[in-house]
Amino acid sequence: MTTQGIEGVFVETHNWGKAARFFQALGFEPEFTTDHNSGLFRNGDGPYVFIAEIPRSQTPQTQLVLTVTEPDAFRPSSDIEVVTPFEETHYGTKEMTVRDPDGRVWNLQVGKVG
């Protein structure tokens, strides 16, 4: 079993309001927002953008989220370093993180956010 393409993009920011307005100016509409400066935006049926504000002491990161349809059938090869195995999230998905050869962390997601 392999991944099924890009599900979304997770974007960290130091300014939730400015980031939300930026993506809205690009045509993304809020699907939901939280009371702790985060939210999910979509532009049509394409991948989502999830924006989360982080403290100024942290460096903002961007992470692609890849779709996995059957987590029990997903068996990463020895070429893939598993950082965290599939785990249930508080927002209703299952997620696994893996590291690519250059050290970037990728999120593999089962289920839809929102």
C-alpha atoms as a PDB file:
ATOM      1  CA  MET A   1       0.000   0.000   0.000  1.00  0.00           C
ATOM      2  CA  THR A   2       1.302   3.452  -0.916  1.00  0.00           C
ATOM      3  CA  THR A   3       0.127   7.001  -0.312  1.00  0.00           C
ATOM      4  CA  GLN A   4      -2.669   8.473  -2.436  1.00  0.00           C
ATOM      5  CA  GLY A   5      -1.400  12.020  -2.993  1.00  0.00           C
ATOM      6  CA  ILE A   6      -1.423  15.287  -1.087  1.00  0.00           C
ATOM      7  CA  GLU A   7      -4.210  15.697   1.472  1.00  0.00           C
ATOM      8  CA  GLY A   8      -3.162  19.082   2.777  1.00  0.00           C
ATOM      9  CA  VAL A   9      -0.511  21.484   3.994  1.00  0.00           C
ATOM     10  CA  PHE A  10       0.133  22.279   7.656  1.00  0.00           C
ATOM     11  CA  VAL A  11       1.427  25.850   8.062  1.00  0.00           C
ATOM     12  CA  GLU A  12       2.784  27.342  11.288  1.00  0.00           C
ATOM     13  CA  THR A  13       2.722  31.119  11.691  1.00  0.00           C
ATOM     14  CA  HIS A  14       3.548  33.835  14.186  1.00  0.00           C
ATOM     15  CA  ASN A  15       0.451  35.812  13.191  1.00  0.00           C
ATOM     16  CA  TRP A  16      -2.756  33.836  12.748  1.00  0.00           C
ATOM     17  CA  GLY A  17      -4.815  36.801  11.502  1.00  0.00           C
ATOM     18  CA  LYS A  18      -2.357  37.829   8.797  1.00  0.00           C
ATOM     19  CA  ALA A  19      -1.842  34.236   7.649  1.00  0.00           C
ATOM     20  CA  ALA A  20      -5.602  33.607   7.492  1.00  0.00           C
ATOM     21  CA  ARG A  21      -6.141  36.786   5.455  1.00  0.00           C
ATOM     22  CA  PHE A  22      -3.256  35.828   3.121  1.00  0.00           C
ATOM     23  CA  PHE A  23      -4.807  32.462   2.268  1.00  0.00           C
ATOM     24  CA  GLN A  24      -8.279  33.984   1.946  1.00  0.00           C
ATOM     25  CA  ALA A  25      -6.843  36.492  -0.551  1.00  0.00           C
ATOM     26  CA  LEU A  26      -5.595  33.475  -2.523  1.00  0.00           C
ATOM     27  CA  GLY A  27      -9.132  32.077  -2.675  1.00  0.00           C
ATOM     28  CA  PHE A  28      -9.167  29.756   0.348  1.00  0.00           C
ATOM     29  CA  GLU A  29     -12.289  29.795   2.514  1.00  0.00           C
ATOM     30  CA  PRO A  30     -12.353  28.870   6.210  1.00  0.00           C
ATOM     31  CA  GLU A  31     -13.913  25.469   6.819  1.00  0.00           C
ATOM     32  CA  PHE A  32     -13.450  25.814  10.561  1.00  0.00           C
ATOM     33  CA  THR A  33     -11.431  27.874  13.014  1.00  0.00           C
ATOM     34  CA  THR A  34     -10.610  27.342  16.677  1.00  0.00           C
ATOM     35  CA  ASP A  35     -10.438  29.599  19.695  1.00  0.00           C
ATOM     36  CA  HIS A  36      -6.667  29.016  19.913  1.00  0.00           C
ATOM     37  CA  ASN A  37      -5.556  30.674  16.641  1.00  0.00           C
ATOM     38  CA  SER A  38      -5.758  27.816  14.199  1.00  0.00           C
ATOM     39  CA  GLY A  39      -8.072  26.702  11.436  1.00  0.00           C
ATOM     40  CA  LEU A  40      -8.580  24.770   8.236  1.00  0.00           C
ATOM     41  CA  PHE A  41      -9.037  26.491   4.854  1.00  0.00           C
ATOM     42  CA  ARG A  42     -10.029  25.007   1.486  1.00  0.00           C
ATOM     43  CA  ASN A  43     -10.056  26.226  -2.068  1.00  0.00           C
ATOM     44  CA  GLY A  44     -12.601  24.063  -3.877  1.00  0.00           C
ATOM     45  CA  ASP A  45     -12.009  20.320  -3.689  1.00  0.00           C
ATOM     46  CA  GLY A  46      -8.209  20.590  -3.518  1.00  0.00           C
ATOM     47  CA  PRO A  47      -5.931  19.927  -0.576  1.00  0.00           C
ATOM     48  CA  TYR A  48      -6.615  21.845   2.611  1.00  0.00           C
ATOM     49  CA  VAL A  49      -4.338  24.358   4.337  1.00  0.00           C
ATOM     50  CA  PHE A  50      -4.300  24.111   8.125  1.00  0.00           C
ATOM     51  CA  ILE A  51      -2.832  27.202   9.796  1.00  0.00           C
ATOM     52  CA  ALA A  52      -1.654  27.189  13.415  1.00  0.00           C
ATOM     53  CA  GLU A  53      -0.118  30.061  15.361  1.00  0.00           C
ATOM     54  CA  ILE A  54       3.013  29.222  17.334  1.00  0.00           C
ATOM     55  CA  PRO A  55       5.074  31.260  19.828  1.00  0.00           C
ATOM     56  CA  ARG A  56       7.651  33.725  18.476  1.00  0.00           C
ATOM     57  CA  SER A  57      10.351  31.631  20.159  1.00  0.00           C
ATOM     58  CA  GLN A  58       9.719  28.835  17.620  1.00  0.00           C
ATOM     59  CA  THR A  59      10.605  28.809  13.929  1.00  0.00           C
ATOM     60  CA  PRO A  60       7.526  28.409  11.705  1.00  0.00           C
ATOM     61  CA  GLN A  61       7.499  25.193   9.692  1.00  0.00           C
ATOM     62  CA  THR A  62       5.438  23.964   6.750  1.00  0.00           C
ATOM     63  CA  GLN A  63       4.594  20.299   6.366  1.00  0.00           C
ATOM     64  CA  LEU A  64       2.848  18.429   3.557  1.00  0.00           C
ATOM     65  CA  VAL A  65       0.221  15.891   4.569  1.00  0.00           C
ATOM     66  CA  LEU A  66      -0.091  12.796   2.358  1.00  0.00           C
ATOM     67  CA  THR A  67      -3.209  10.610   2.171  1.00  0.00           C
ATOM     68  CA  VAL A  68      -3.190   6.963   3.228  1.00  0.00           C
ATOM     69  CA  THR A  69      -6.445   5.065   2.736  1.00  0.00           C
ATOM     70  CA  GLU A  70      -5.665   1.863   4.668  1.00  0.00           C
ATOM     71  CA  PRO A  71      -3.272   2.331   7.596  1.00  0.00           C
ATOM     72  CA  ASP A  72      -3.292  -1.368   8.529  1.00  0.00           C
ATOM     73  CA  ALA A  73      -2.130  -2.266   5.011  1.00  0.00           C
ATOM     74  CA  PHE A  74       0.545   0.445   4.865  1.00  0.00           C
ATOM     75  CA  ARG A  75       3.949  -1.173   5.340  1.00  0.00           C
ATOM     76  CA  PRO A  76       6.809   1.298   4.895  1.00  0.00           C
ATOM     77  CA  SER A  77       9.881  -0.147   3.210  1.00  0.00           C
ATOM     78  CA  SER A  78      13.297  -0.049   4.846  1.00  0.00           C
ATOM     79  CA  ASP A  79      13.948   3.141   2.819  1.00  0.00           C
ATOM     80  CA  ILE A  80      11.433   4.981   5.015  1.00  0.00           C
ATOM     81  CA  GLU A  81      12.299   6.050   8.556  1.00  0.00           C
ATOM     82  CA  VAL A  82       9.158   5.971  10.693  1.00  0.00           C
ATOM     83  CA  VAL A  83       9.298   8.797  13.264  1.00  0.00           C
ATOM     84  CA  THR A  84       5.913   8.028  14.861  1.00  0.00           C
ATOM     85  CA  PRO A  85       3.574   5.132  13.974  1.00  0.00           C
ATOM     86  CA  PHE A  86      -0.095   5.684  13.154  1.00  0.00           C
ATOM     87  CA  GLU A  87      -1.890   7.217  16.132  1.00  0.00           C
ATOM     88  CA  GLU A  88      -5.411   8.553  16.663  1.00  0.00           C
ATOM     89  CA  THR A  89      -5.607  12.359  16.818  1.00  0.00           C
ATOM     90  CA  HIS A  90      -7.953  14.541  18.854  1.00  0.00           C
ATOM     91  CA  TYR A  91      -9.444  15.855  15.589  1.00  0.00           C
ATOM     92  CA  GLY A  92     -10.611  12.519  14.209  1.00  0.00           C
ATOM     93  CA  THR A  93      -7.820  11.222  11.976  1.00  0.00           C
ATOM     94  CA  LYS A  94      -4.997   8.714  12.263  1.00  0.00           C
ATOM     95  CA  GLU A  95      -1.510  10.048  11.535  1.00  0.00           C
ATOM     96  CA  MET A  96       2.012   8.715  11.075  1.00  0.00           C
ATOM     97  CA  THR A  97       5.169  10.753  10.555  1.00  0.00           C
ATOM     98  CA  VAL A  98       8.127   9.657   8.445  1.00  0.00           C
ATOM     99  CA  ARG A  99      11.486  11.271   7.648  1.00  0.00           C
ATOM    100  CA  ASP A 100      12.872  11.610   4.125  1.00  0.00           C
ATOM    101  CA  PRO A 101      16.602  11.195   3.265  1.00  0.00           C
ATOM    102  CA  ASP A 102      17.204  14.956   3.705  1.00  0.00           C
ATOM    103  CA  GLY A 103      15.681  15.040   7.193  1.00  0.00           C
ATOM    104  CA  ARG A 104      12.273  16.519   6.322  1.00  0.00           C
ATOM    105  CA  VAL A 105       9.331  15.108   8.264  1.00  0.00           C
ATOM    106  CA  TRP A 106       6.202  14.108   6.322  1.00  0.00           C
ATOM    107  CA  ASN A 107       2.770  13.501   7.806  1.00  0.00           C
ATOM    108  CA  LEU A 108       0.710  10.548   6.523  1.00  0.00           C
ATOM    109  CA  GLN A 109      -2.995  10.922   7.317  1.00  0.00           C
ATOM    110  CA  VAL A 110      -5.991   8.611   7.278  1.00  0.00           C
ATOM    111  CA  GLY A 111      -9.390  10.300   7.405  1.00  0.00           C
ATOM    112  CA  LYS A 112     -10.559  13.830   6.863  1.00  0.00           C
ATOM    113  CA  VAL A 113     -10.013  16.797   9.135  1.00  0.00           C
ATOM    114  CA  GLY A 114     -13.129  18.763   9.923  1.00  0.00           C
END
